[in-house]
Amino acid sequence: MIDFNEKRAERDGIITVKATLEHLLQNVEQIERVFSVVKLKDGTIKVSASDGSALEALGMLEVAKFDIVEDMYE
């Protein structure tokens, strides 16, 4: 079934939640560790991670913060 909202978002250059998750699933064999922060529709923030050290998770978050800040100034 074609999801017209997804197609419209893709056409407009919008990266949707569904597109992000599908991309990750398509590349799951290459992924060693995953760390996610999601905002639910009710505003609740949820955090989850695959197994690994807390220090590694913090490092991954620092890299994500750097990328986000860098994108803000481009």
Protein backbone atom coordinates (compact mmCIF):
# COMPACT_ATOMS: atom_id res chain seq x y z
CA MET A 1 0.00 0.00 0.00
CA ILE A 2 1.33 3.45 -0.92
CA ASP A 3 1.59 5.94 1.94
CA PHE A 4 0.89 9.26 0.25
CA ASN A 5 2.00 11.26 3.30
CA GLU A 6 5.40 9.55 3.17
CA LYS A 7 5.70 10.15 -0.58
CA ARG A 8 4.78 13.82 -0.16
CA ALA A 9 7.30 14.21 2.65
CA GLU A 10 10.01 12.53 0.55
CA ARG A 11 9.23 14.85 -2.38
CA ASP A 12 9.43 17.88 -0.08
CA GLY A 13 12.74 16.74 1.46
CA ILE A 14 11.22 15.99 4.87
CA ILE A 15 12.75 13.12 6.82
CA THR A 16 9.92 11.34 8.63
CA VAL A 17 10.06 9.00 11.62
CA LYS A 18 9.02 6.10 9.39
CA ALA A 19 11.71 6.87 6.80
CA THR A 20 14.36 7.09 9.51
CA LEU A 21 13.41 3.76 11.05
CA GLU A 22 13.15 2.03 7.66
CA HIS A 23 16.63 3.28 6.76
CA LEU A 24 18.03 1.87 10.01
CA LEU A 25 16.32 -1.48 9.48
CA GLN A 26 17.66 -1.71 5.92
CA ASN A 27 21.18 -1.29 7.32
CA VAL A 28 20.78 -3.24 10.57
CA GLU A 29 23.58 -5.69 9.70
CA GLN A 30 26.08 -2.82 9.68
CA ILE A 31 24.96 -1.33 12.99
CA GLU A 32 26.99 -2.28 16.06
CA ARG A 33 25.18 -0.17 18.67
CA VAL A 34 22.06 1.95 18.67
CA PHE A 35 20.98 4.69 21.03
CA SER A 36 17.66 6.43 20.58
CA VAL A 37 15.90 9.40 22.04
CA VAL A 38 12.28 9.76 20.96
CA LYS A 39 9.54 12.26 21.69
CA LEU A 40 6.09 10.71 21.88
CA LYS A 41 2.99 12.54 20.70
CA ASP A 42 2.08 13.34 24.31
CA GLY A 43 5.43 15.12 24.75
CA THR A 44 7.08 12.34 26.76
CA ILE A 45 10.77 11.79 26.02
CA LYS A 46 11.93 8.15 25.97
CA VAL A 47 15.51 6.88 25.81
CA SER A 48 16.63 3.39 24.84
CA ALA A 49 19.87 1.71 23.85
CA SER A 50 21.26 -1.61 22.83
CA ASP A 51 23.80 -3.21 25.17
CA GLY A 52 27.07 -1.40 25.72
CA SER A 53 28.85 0.85 28.16
CA ALA A 54 27.35 4.02 29.58
CA LEU A 55 30.54 5.86 28.63
CA GLU A 56 30.11 4.84 24.99
CA ALA A 57 26.48 6.01 25.06
CA LEU A 58 27.55 9.39 26.44
CA GLY A 59 30.18 9.67 23.72
CA MET A 60 27.57 8.90 21.07
CA LEU A 61 25.32 11.61 22.50
CA GLU A 62 28.18 14.12 22.40
CA VAL A 63 28.76 13.33 18.71
CA ALA A 64 25.03 13.79 18.06
CA LYS A 65 25.04 17.13 19.91
CA PHE A 66 28.02 18.31 17.85
CA ASP A 67 26.32 17.33 14.57
CA ILE A 68 23.09 19.10 15.54
CA VAL A 69 24.87 22.30 16.57
CA GLU A 70 26.99 22.22 13.41
CA ASP A 71 23.87 21.84 11.24
CA MET A 72 22.33 24.87 12.97
CA TYR A 73 25.08 27.11 11.59
CA GLU A 74 25.13 25.81 8.01
